[in-house]
C-alpha atoms as a PDB file:
ATOM      1  CA  UNK A   1      -4.424 -10.272  -5.368  1.00  0.00           C
ATOM      2  CA  UNK A   2      -7.099 -11.850  -3.230  1.00  0.00           C
ATOM      3  CA  UNK A   3      -8.518 -10.405  -0.028  1.00  0.00           C
ATOM      4  CA  UNK A   4      -6.752 -11.273   3.208  1.00  0.00           C
ATOM      5  CA  UNK A   5      -7.911 -11.816   6.800  1.00  0.00           C
ATOM      6  CA  UNK A   6      -6.307 -10.161   9.818  1.00  0.00           C
ATOM      7  CA  UNK A   7      -7.032 -11.133  13.435  1.00  0.00           C
ATOM      8  CA  UNK A   8      -6.496  -8.943  16.510  1.00  0.00           C
ATOM      9  CA  UNK A   9      -6.046 -11.149  19.576  1.00  0.00           C
ATOM     10  CA  UNK A  10      -7.111  -9.323  22.748  1.00  0.00           C
ATOM     11  CA  UNK A  11      -6.935 -11.106  26.101  1.00  0.00           C
ATOM     12  CA  UNK A  12      -6.101 -10.755  29.798  1.00  0.00           C
ATOM     13  CA  UNK A  13      -2.403 -11.587  30.030  1.00  0.00           C
ATOM     14  CA  UNK A  14      -1.309 -13.821  32.917  1.00  0.00           C
ATOM     15  CA  UNK A  15       1.454 -12.039  34.797  1.00  0.00           C
ATOM     16  CA  UNK A  16       4.923 -13.381  33.950  1.00  0.00           C
ATOM     17  CA  UNK A  17       3.587 -16.822  32.983  1.00  0.00           C
ATOM     18  CA  UNK A  18       4.540 -17.729  29.435  1.00  0.00           C
ATOM     19  CA  UNK A  19       2.967 -21.177  29.383  1.00  0.00           C
ATOM     20  CA  UNK A  20      -0.381 -19.884  30.648  1.00  0.00           C
ATOM     21  CA  UNK A  21      -0.471 -17.158  28.016  1.00  0.00           C
ATOM     22  CA  UNK A  22       0.433 -19.547  25.231  1.00  0.00           C
ATOM     23  CA  UNK A  23      -2.484 -21.745  26.290  1.00  0.00           C
ATOM     24  CA  UNK A  24      -4.857 -18.762  26.358  1.00  0.00           C
ATOM     25  CA  UNK A  25      -3.943 -17.759  22.826  1.00  0.00           C
ATOM     26  CA  UNK A  26      -4.222 -21.345  21.601  1.00  0.00           C
ATOM     27  CA  UNK A  27      -7.758 -21.483  22.992  1.00  0.00           C
ATOM     28  CA  UNK A  28      -8.728 -18.316  21.134  1.00  0.00           C
ATOM     29  CA  UNK A  29      -7.187 -19.595  17.918  1.00  0.00           C
ATOM     30  CA  UNK A  30      -9.070 -22.882  18.228  1.00  0.00           C
ATOM     31  CA  UNK A  31     -12.336 -20.922  18.378  1.00  0.00           C
ATOM     32  CA  UNK A  32     -11.407 -18.520  15.574  1.00  0.00           C
ATOM     33  CA  UNK A  33     -10.117 -21.207  13.187  1.00  0.00           C
ATOM     34  CA  UNK A  34      -8.312 -18.676  10.936  1.00  0.00           C
ATOM     35  CA  UNK A  35      -7.920 -19.600   7.268  1.00  0.00           C
ATOM     36  CA  UNK A  36      -4.452 -20.340   5.933  1.00  0.00           C
ATOM     37  CA  UNK A  37      -2.457 -17.227   5.115  1.00  0.00           C
ATOM     38  CA  UNK A  38      -4.199 -15.048   7.721  1.00  0.00           C
ATOM     39  CA  UNK A  39      -2.231 -12.608   9.874  1.00  0.00           C
ATOM     40  CA  UNK A  40      -2.574 -13.082  13.647  1.00  0.00           C
ATOM     41  CA  UNK A  41      -1.489 -10.090  15.751  1.00  0.00           C
ATOM     42  CA  UNK A  42      -0.852 -10.404  19.489  1.00  0.00           C
ATOM     43  CA  UNK A  43      -0.503  -7.651  22.131  1.00  0.00           C
ATOM     44  CA  UNK A  44       2.745  -6.153  23.372  1.00  0.00           C
ATOM     45  CA  UNK A  45       4.616  -8.657  25.563  1.00  0.00           C
ATOM     46  CA  UNK A  46       1.676 -11.040  25.236  1.00  0.00           C
ATOM     47  CA  UNK A  47       3.661 -13.780  26.935  1.00  0.00           C
ATOM     48  CA  UNK A  48       4.538 -12.075  30.239  1.00  0.00           C
ATOM     49  CA  UNK A  49       2.651  -8.789  30.493  1.00  0.00           C
ATOM     50  CA  UNK A  50       4.331  -5.396  30.801  1.00  0.00           C
ATOM     51  CA  UNK A  51       7.118  -6.771  32.979  1.00  0.00           C
ATOM     52  CA  UNK A  52      10.367  -4.999  33.823  1.00  0.00           C
ATOM     53  CA  UNK A  53      12.005  -8.250  34.994  1.00  0.00           C
ATOM     54  CA  UNK A  54      14.212  -8.642  31.946  1.00  0.00           C
ATOM     55  CA  UNK A  55      16.714 -10.964  33.641  1.00  0.00           C
ATOM     56  CA  UNK A  56      14.028 -13.545  34.394  1.00  0.00           C
ATOM     57  CA  UNK A  57      11.559 -13.084  31.529  1.00  0.00           C
ATOM     58  CA  UNK A  58      13.852 -12.743  28.504  1.00  0.00           C
ATOM     59  CA  UNK A  59      13.948 -15.368  25.774  1.00  0.00           C
ATOM     60  CA  UNK A  60      17.579 -16.020  26.656  1.00  0.00           C
ATOM     61  CA  UNK A  61      16.518 -16.908  30.208  1.00  0.00           C
ATOM     62  CA  UNK A  62      13.613 -19.147  29.155  1.00  0.00           C
ATOM     63  CA  UNK A  63      15.117 -21.242  26.355  1.00  0.00           C
ATOM     64  CA  UNK A  64      13.481 -19.208  23.556  1.00  0.00           C
ATOM     65  CA  UNK A  65      10.085 -20.350  24.835  1.00  0.00           C
ATOM     66  CA  UNK A  66       7.805 -17.718  23.293  1.00  0.00           C
ATOM     67  CA  UNK A  67       9.493 -17.308  19.933  1.00  0.00           C
ATOM     68  CA  UNK A  68       9.600 -21.076  19.471  1.00  0.00           C
ATOM     69  CA  UNK A  69       5.910 -21.225  20.365  1.00  0.00           C
ATOM     70  CA  UNK A  70       5.012 -18.504  17.839  1.00  0.00           C
ATOM     71  CA  UNK A  71       6.960 -20.317  15.136  1.00  0.00           C
ATOM     72  CA  UNK A  72       5.213 -23.596  15.926  1.00  0.00           C
ATOM     73  CA  UNK A  73       1.733 -22.022  15.864  1.00  0.00           C
ATOM     74  CA  UNK A  74       2.430 -20.273  12.552  1.00  0.00           C
ATOM     75  CA  UNK A  75       3.574 -23.533  10.972  1.00  0.00           C
ATOM     76  CA  UNK A  76       0.781 -25.628  12.483  1.00  0.00           C
ATOM     77  CA  UNK A  77      -2.004 -23.299  11.301  1.00  0.00           C
ATOM     78  CA  UNK A  78      -0.362 -22.087   8.096  1.00  0.00           C
ATOM     79  CA  UNK A  79      -0.680 -18.432   9.152  1.00  0.00           C
ATOM     80  CA  UNK A  80       1.479 -15.400   9.861  1.00  0.00           C
ATOM     81  CA  UNK A  81       1.929 -14.715  13.580  1.00  0.00           C
ATOM     82  CA  UNK A  82       3.073 -11.386  14.992  1.00  0.00           C
ATOM     83  CA  UNK A  83       4.181 -12.264  18.478  1.00  0.00           C
ATOM     84  CA  UNK A  84       6.318 -10.496  21.057  1.00  0.00           C
ATOM     85  CA  UNK A  85       9.318 -11.196  23.228  1.00  0.00           C
ATOM     86  CA  UNK A  86      11.922  -9.750  25.548  1.00  0.00           C
ATOM     87  CA  UNK A  87      15.509 -10.021  24.347  1.00  0.00           C
ATOM     88  CA  UNK A  88      18.613  -9.488  26.484  1.00  0.00           C
ATOM     89  CA  UNK A  89      21.505  -9.929  24.103  1.00  0.00           C
ATOM     90  CA  UNK A  90      24.148  -8.315  26.343  1.00  0.00           C
ATOM     91  CA  UNK A  91      23.696 -10.721  29.245  1.00  0.00           C
ATOM     92  CA  UNK A  92      22.068 -10.595  32.663  1.00  0.00           C
ATOM     93  CA  UNK A  93      22.007  -7.200  34.302  1.00  0.00           C
ATOM     94  CA  UNK A  94      21.813  -5.375  30.966  1.00  0.00           C
ATOM     95  CA  UNK A  95      18.810  -3.614  29.520  1.00  0.00           C
ATOM     96  CA  UNK A  96      16.697  -5.667  27.149  1.00  0.00           C
ATOM     97  CA  UNK A  97      14.676  -4.886  24.047  1.00  0.00           C
ATOM     98  CA  UNK A  98      10.899  -5.042  23.686  1.00  0.00           C
ATOM     99  CA  UNK A  99      10.320  -6.939  20.439  1.00  0.00           C
ATOM    100  CA  UNK A 100       7.595  -7.612  17.910  1.00  0.00           C
ATOM    101  CA  UNK A 101       8.527 -10.748  15.960  1.00  0.00           C
ATOM    102  CA  UNK A 102       6.722 -12.083  12.889  1.00  0.00           C
ATOM    103  CA  UNK A 103       6.751 -15.671  11.644  1.00  0.00           C
ATOM    104  CA  UNK A 104       5.492 -16.852   8.255  1.00  0.00           C
ATOM    105  CA  UNK A 105       3.344 -19.963   7.592  1.00  0.00           C
ATOM    106  CA  UNK A 106       6.490 -22.078   7.340  1.00  0.00           C
ATOM    107  CA  UNK A 107       7.464 -20.975  10.848  1.00  0.00           C
ATOM    108  CA  UNK A 108      10.361 -18.824   9.664  1.00  0.00           C
ATOM    109  CA  UNK A 109      11.107 -15.457  11.245  1.00  0.00           C
ATOM    110  CA  UNK A 110      10.469 -12.772   8.612  1.00  0.00           C
ATOM    111  CA  UNK A 111      10.554  -9.586  10.692  1.00  0.00           C
ATOM    112  CA  UNK A 112      11.903  -8.366  14.023  1.00  0.00           C
ATOM    113  CA  UNK A 113      11.212  -4.893  15.364  1.00  0.00           C
ATOM    114  CA  UNK A 114      12.666  -3.455  18.572  1.00  0.00           C
ATOM    115  CA  UNK A 115      10.432  -0.825  20.168  1.00  0.00           C
ATOM    116  CA  UNK A 116      11.950   2.547  19.309  1.00  0.00           C
ATOM    117  CA  UNK A 117      10.194   4.525  22.046  1.00  0.00           C
ATOM    118  CA  UNK A 118      10.195   2.885  25.504  1.00  0.00           C
ATOM    119  CA  UNK A 119       7.949   4.756  27.951  1.00  0.00           C
ATOM    120  CA  UNK A 120       9.955   6.668  30.566  1.00  0.00           C
ATOM    121  CA  UNK A 121       6.752   7.414  32.509  1.00  0.00           C
ATOM    122  CA  UNK A 122       6.524   3.756  33.550  1.00  0.00           C
ATOM    123  CA  UNK A 123      10.319   3.412  33.939  1.00  0.00           C
ATOM    124  CA  UNK A 124      10.409   1.164  30.886  1.00  0.00           C
ATOM    125  CA  UNK A 125      13.547   3.016  29.790  1.00  0.00           C
ATOM    126  CA  UNK A 126      15.355   1.670  32.858  1.00  0.00           C
ATOM    127  CA  UNK A 127      14.713  -1.941  31.833  1.00  0.00           C
ATOM    128  CA  UNK A 128      14.696  -1.611  28.033  1.00  0.00           C
ATOM    129  CA  UNK A 129      16.778   0.307  25.523  1.00  0.00           C
ATOM    130  CA  UNK A 130      15.106   1.769  22.451  1.00  0.00           C
ATOM    131  CA  UNK A 131      15.517   0.273  19.004  1.00  0.00           C
ATOM    132  CA  UNK A 132      17.160   2.221  16.197  1.00  0.00           C
ATOM    133  CA  UNK A 133      15.269   1.320  13.042  1.00  0.00           C
ATOM    134  CA  UNK A 134      11.988   0.357  11.472  1.00  0.00           C
ATOM    135  CA  UNK A 135      11.298  -3.150  10.208  1.00  0.00           C
ATOM    136  CA  UNK A 136       8.798  -4.389   7.621  1.00  0.00           C
ATOM    137  CA  UNK A 137       7.573  -7.612   6.076  1.00  0.00           C
ATOM    138  CA  UNK A 138       5.580  -8.616   3.030  1.00  0.00           C
ATOM    139  CA  UNK A 139       2.137 -10.109   3.588  1.00  0.00           C
ATOM    140  CA  UNK A 140       0.920 -11.403   0.230  1.00  0.00           C
ATOM    141  CA  UNK A 141       1.953  -8.258  -1.617  1.00  0.00           C
ATOM    142  CA  UNK A 142       1.307  -5.727   1.167  1.00  0.00           C
ATOM    143  CA  UNK A 143       4.147  -4.006   3.003  1.00  0.00           C
ATOM    144  CA  UNK A 144       3.431  -4.240   6.743  1.00  0.00           C
ATOM    145  CA  UNK A 145       5.196  -2.419   9.582  1.00  0.00           C
ATOM    146  CA  UNK A 146       4.912  -3.683  13.182  1.00  0.00           C
ATOM    147  CA  UNK A 147       5.118  -1.084  15.955  1.00  0.00           C
ATOM    148  CA  UNK A 148       4.639  -1.233  19.727  1.00  0.00           C
ATOM    149  CA  UNK A 149       2.398   0.695  22.138  1.00  0.00           C
ATOM    150  CA  UNK A 150       4.030   4.065  23.005  1.00  0.00           C
ATOM    151  CA  UNK A 151       5.212   4.351  19.372  1.00  0.00           C
ATOM    152  CA  UNK A 152       1.614   5.396  18.694  1.00  0.00           C
ATOM    153  CA  UNK A 153       2.386   8.845  20.138  1.00  0.00           C
ATOM    154  CA  UNK A 154       5.209   9.551  17.665  1.00  0.00           C
ATOM    155  CA  UNK A 155       3.696  10.180  14.216  1.00  0.00           C
ATOM    156  CA  UNK A 156       7.066  10.892  12.614  1.00  0.00           C
ATOM    157  CA  UNK A 157       7.955   7.209  12.979  1.00  0.00           C
ATOM    158  CA  UNK A 158       4.846   6.221  11.054  1.00  0.00           C
ATOM    159  CA  UNK A 159       5.383   8.804   8.326  1.00  0.00           C
ATOM    160  CA  UNK A 160       8.947   7.611   7.754  1.00  0.00           C
ATOM    161  CA  UNK A 161       7.629   4.061   7.355  1.00  0.00           C
ATOM    162  CA  UNK A 162       5.278   5.227   4.606  1.00  0.00           C
ATOM    163  CA  UNK A 163       7.627   7.574   2.773  1.00  0.00           C
ATOM    164  CA  UNK A 164      10.810   5.501   2.992  1.00  0.00           C
ATOM    165  CA  UNK A 165       9.464   1.946   3.031  1.00  0.00           C
ATOM    166  CA  UNK A 166       6.126   2.103   1.209  1.00  0.00           C
ATOM    167  CA  UNK A 167       4.191   0.731   4.174  1.00  0.00           C
ATOM    168  CA  UNK A 168       0.469   0.121   3.569  1.00  0.00           C
ATOM    169  CA  UNK A 169      -0.455  -1.477   6.898  1.00  0.00           C
ATOM    170  CA  UNK A 170       0.643  -0.917  10.488  1.00  0.00           C
ATOM    171  CA  UNK A 171       0.203  -3.566  13.181  1.00  0.00           C
ATOM    172  CA  UNK A 172       0.671  -2.263  16.715  1.00  0.00           C
ATOM    173  CA  UNK A 173       0.590  -4.439  19.807  1.00  0.00           C
ATOM    174  CA  UNK A 174       0.053  -2.616  23.083  1.00  0.00           C
ATOM    175  CA  UNK A 175      -0.355  -2.672  26.835  1.00  0.00           C
ATOM    176  CA  UNK A 176      -2.218   0.634  26.821  1.00  0.00           C
ATOM    177  CA  UNK A 177      -3.698   1.438  30.254  1.00  0.00           C
ATOM    178  CA  UNK A 178      -7.340   2.264  30.900  1.00  0.00           C
ATOM    179  CA  UNK A 179      -6.482   5.679  32.339  1.00  0.00           C
ATOM    180  CA  UNK A 180      -5.525   6.879  28.821  1.00  0.00           C
ATOM    181  CA  UNK A 181      -7.907   4.675  26.851  1.00  0.00           C
ATOM    182  CA  UNK A 182      -9.459   7.568  24.925  1.00  0.00           C
ATOM    183  CA  UNK A 183      -6.063   8.529  23.564  1.00  0.00           C
ATOM    184  CA  UNK A 184      -5.557   4.985  22.261  1.00  0.00           C
ATOM    185  CA  UNK A 185      -8.804   5.066  20.308  1.00  0.00           C
ATOM    186  CA  UNK A 186      -8.263   8.506  18.785  1.00  0.00           C
ATOM    187  CA  UNK A 187      -4.603   8.116  17.944  1.00  0.00           C
ATOM    188  CA  UNK A 188      -5.204   4.854  16.077  1.00  0.00           C
ATOM    189  CA  UNK A 189      -7.710   6.616  13.839  1.00  0.00           C
ATOM    190  CA  UNK A 190      -5.390   9.589  13.367  1.00  0.00           C
ATOM    191  CA  UNK A 191      -2.467   7.386  12.301  1.00  0.00           C
ATOM    192  CA  UNK A 192      -4.677   5.615   9.743  1.00  0.00           C
ATOM    193  CA  UNK A 193      -6.060   8.864   8.332  1.00  0.00           C
ATOM    194  CA  UNK A 194      -2.800  10.799   8.073  1.00  0.00           C
ATOM    195  CA  UNK A 195      -0.861   7.888   6.552  1.00  0.00           C
ATOM    196  CA  UNK A 196      -3.707   6.576   4.366  1.00  0.00           C
ATOM    197  CA  UNK A 197      -2.876   3.131   5.704  1.00  0.00           C
ATOM    198  CA  UNK A 198      -4.503   0.165   7.381  1.00  0.00           C
ATOM    199  CA  UNK A 199      -3.999   0.172  11.152  1.00  0.00           C
ATOM    200  CA  UNK A 200      -4.488  -2.920  13.310  1.00  0.00           C
ATOM    201  CA  UNK A 201      -4.237  -1.956  16.983  1.00  0.00           C
ATOM    202  CA  UNK A 202      -4.157  -4.852  19.458  1.00  0.00           C
ATOM    203  CA  UNK A 203      -4.400  -3.976  23.133  1.00  0.00           C
ATOM    204  CA  UNK A 204      -4.622  -6.259  26.135  1.00  0.00           C
ATOM    205  CA  UNK A 205      -7.481  -6.237  28.625  1.00  0.00           C
ATOM    206  CA  UNK A 206      -7.797  -7.123  32.304  1.00  0.00           C
ATOM    207  CA  UNK A 207      -5.416  -6.274  35.118  1.00  0.00           C
ATOM    208  CA  UNK A 208      -1.764  -6.662  36.029  1.00  0.00           C
ATOM    209  CA  UNK A 209      -0.168  -5.853  39.419  1.00  0.00           C
ATOM    210  CA  UNK A 210       0.132  -2.195  38.453  1.00  0.00           C
ATOM    211  CA  UNK A 211      -2.570  -1.163  35.968  1.00  0.00           C
ATOM    212  CA  UNK A 212      -5.959  -1.956  34.455  1.00  0.00           C
ATOM    213  CA  UNK A 213      -6.584  -2.253  30.716  1.00  0.00           C
ATOM    214  CA  UNK A 214      -9.765  -1.718  28.683  1.00  0.00           C
ATOM    215  CA  UNK A 215      -8.881  -3.448  25.430  1.00  0.00           C
ATOM    216  CA  UNK A 216     -10.404  -1.548  22.543  1.00  0.00           C
ATOM    217  CA  UNK A 217      -8.488  -3.393  19.841  1.00  0.00           C
ATOM    218  CA  UNK A 218      -9.407  -2.060  16.404  1.00  0.00           C
ATOM    219  CA  UNK A 219      -9.045  -2.726  12.702  1.00  0.00           C
ATOM    220  CA  UNK A 220      -9.153   0.551  10.756  1.00  0.00           C
ATOM    221  CA  UNK A 221      -9.108   1.111   7.004  1.00  0.00           C
ATOM    222  CA  UNK A 222      -6.932   3.670   5.148  1.00  0.00           C
ATOM    223  CA  UNK A 223      -9.672   6.307   5.310  1.00  0.00           C
ATOM    224  CA  UNK A 224      -9.964   5.999   9.095  1.00  0.00           C
ATOM    225  CA  UNK A 225     -13.123   3.897   9.204  1.00  0.00           C
ATOM    226  CA  UNK A 226     -13.261   1.456  12.130  1.00  0.00           C
ATOM    227  CA  UNK A 227     -14.219  -1.900  10.604  1.00  0.00           C
ATOM    228  CA  UNK A 228     -13.938  -4.060  13.725  1.00  0.00           C
ATOM    229  CA  UNK A 229     -13.596  -3.172  17.394  1.00  0.00           C
ATOM    230  CA  UNK A 230     -13.304  -5.142  20.621  1.00  0.00           C
ATOM    231  CA  UNK A 231     -14.829  -4.162  23.948  1.00  0.00           C
ATOM    232  CA  UNK A 232     -13.020  -4.420  27.299  1.00  0.00           C
ATOM    233  CA  UNK A 233     -13.003  -8.223  27.500  1.00  0.00           C
ATOM    234  CA  UNK A 234     -11.141 -11.145  25.972  1.00  0.00           C
ATOM    235  CA  UNK A 235     -12.065 -11.210  22.310  1.00  0.00           C
ATOM    236  CA  UNK A 236     -10.542 -12.030  18.938  1.00  0.00           C
ATOM    237  CA  UNK A 237     -11.757  -9.636  16.246  1.00  0.00           C
ATOM    238  CA  UNK A 238     -11.076 -10.025  12.547  1.00  0.00           C
ATOM    239  CA  UNK A 239     -11.782  -8.427   9.207  1.00  0.00           C
ATOM    240  CA  UNK A 240     -11.025  -8.912   5.556  1.00  0.00           C
ATOM    241  CA  UNK A 241      -8.266  -6.621   4.291  1.00  0.00           C
ATOM    242  CA  UNK A 242      -8.393  -5.337   0.726  1.00  0.00           C
ATOM    243  CA  UNK A 243      -4.707  -5.241  -0.295  1.00  0.00           C
ATOM    244  CA  UNK A 244      -5.438  -2.561  -2.900  1.00  0.00           C
ATOM    245  CA  UNK A 245      -7.314  -0.170  -0.592  1.00  0.00           C
ATOM    246  CA  UNK A 246      -4.333   1.895   0.561  1.00  0.00           C
ATOM    247  CA  UNK A 247      -2.884   2.440  -2.899  1.00  0.00           C
ATOM    248  CA  UNK A 248      -6.329   3.217  -4.329  1.00  0.00           C
ATOM    249  CA  UNK A 249      -7.053   5.852  -1.682  1.00  0.00           C
ATOM    250  CA  UNK A 250      -3.589   7.359  -2.012  1.00  0.00           C
ATOM    251  CA  UNK A 251      -4.199   7.657  -5.739  1.00  0.00           C
ATOM    252  CA  UNK A 252      -7.642   9.210  -5.346  1.00  0.00           C
ATOM    253  CA  UNK A 253      -6.557  11.655  -2.618  1.00  0.00           C
ATOM    254  CA  UNK A 254      -2.834  12.209  -3.066  1.00  0.00           C
ATOM    255  CA  UNK A 255      -1.994  13.982   0.204  1.00  0.00           C
ATOM    256  CA  UNK A 256       1.193  11.978   0.720  1.00  0.00           C
ATOM    257  CA  UNK A 257       2.634  13.404  -2.506  1.00  0.00           C
ATOM    258  CA  UNK A 258       2.726  16.797  -0.777  1.00  0.00           C
ATOM    259  CA  UNK A 259       4.731  15.483   2.190  1.00  0.00           C
ATOM    260  CA  UNK A 260       8.202  17.017   2.548  1.00  0.00           C
ATOM    261  CA  UNK A 261      10.547  14.195   3.463  1.00  0.00           C
ATOM    262  CA  UNK A 262      13.419  16.597   4.216  1.00  0.00           C
ATOM    263  CA  UNK A 263      11.455  18.062   7.131  1.00  0.00           C
ATOM    264  CA  UNK A 264      11.650  14.717   8.954  1.00  0.00           C
ATOM    265  CA  UNK A 265      15.444  14.577   9.012  1.00  0.00           C
ATOM    266  CA  UNK A 266      17.394  11.344   9.211  1.00  0.00           C
ATOM    267  CA  UNK A 267      16.131   9.781  12.431  1.00  0.00           C
ATOM    268  CA  UNK A 268      15.822   6.309  10.950  1.00  0.00           C
ATOM    269  CA  UNK A 269      17.096   4.699   7.802  1.00  0.00           C
END
């Protein structure tokens, strides 16, 4: 297997303006010029910001605008795109789901994850219901698991992904506020170290009507080493990913073999 390139796309998200955010990401991609086969990871709800207006901002209400855009970009550039969207499958007035959606270089959807842990502290649970299962996709021989923001605080979710699904890389898009920025940085490293896995954390920067964000997107190797890190401004960071690094480290230091799966119960299949 050859080495692979992953890109973390950090930017200031325009509030509830899908077209503006699509243009912003296109501008960053034009500058980055990612090679074919790369993985592009976008922040949580990159298209609208951390909005609770599910009725107005869902894909159902906007003619699938963001998912169609992600598919088109993936096909045009020949890359994998991990985007995001709001879904409201039960009709207006119902709670939605906060999604990470991955498209392959042919523009086909290959993975859809619904955020398992909405954040009650921001009343996200009033607008969104939690997902019920993990989701993974194959990126040139690596098993990748997308997660979303607050999921970072629930290590059992990550451990289940490793033990039950053989995950070697986690990609987590976030709208993690500046007031808890230090937690974001430390928890990303902890999740990489304890799971002996790659972690690509992609946070937004800038300001929305409610909160400020300090970015700090990071690409971390399976031993917890930070290989690339963004500051508090719009920036697209990238790094080569060795697809054998996780399995090699797990073989050299076999901590995961001592994990007791039965202690985690049956939360997710």
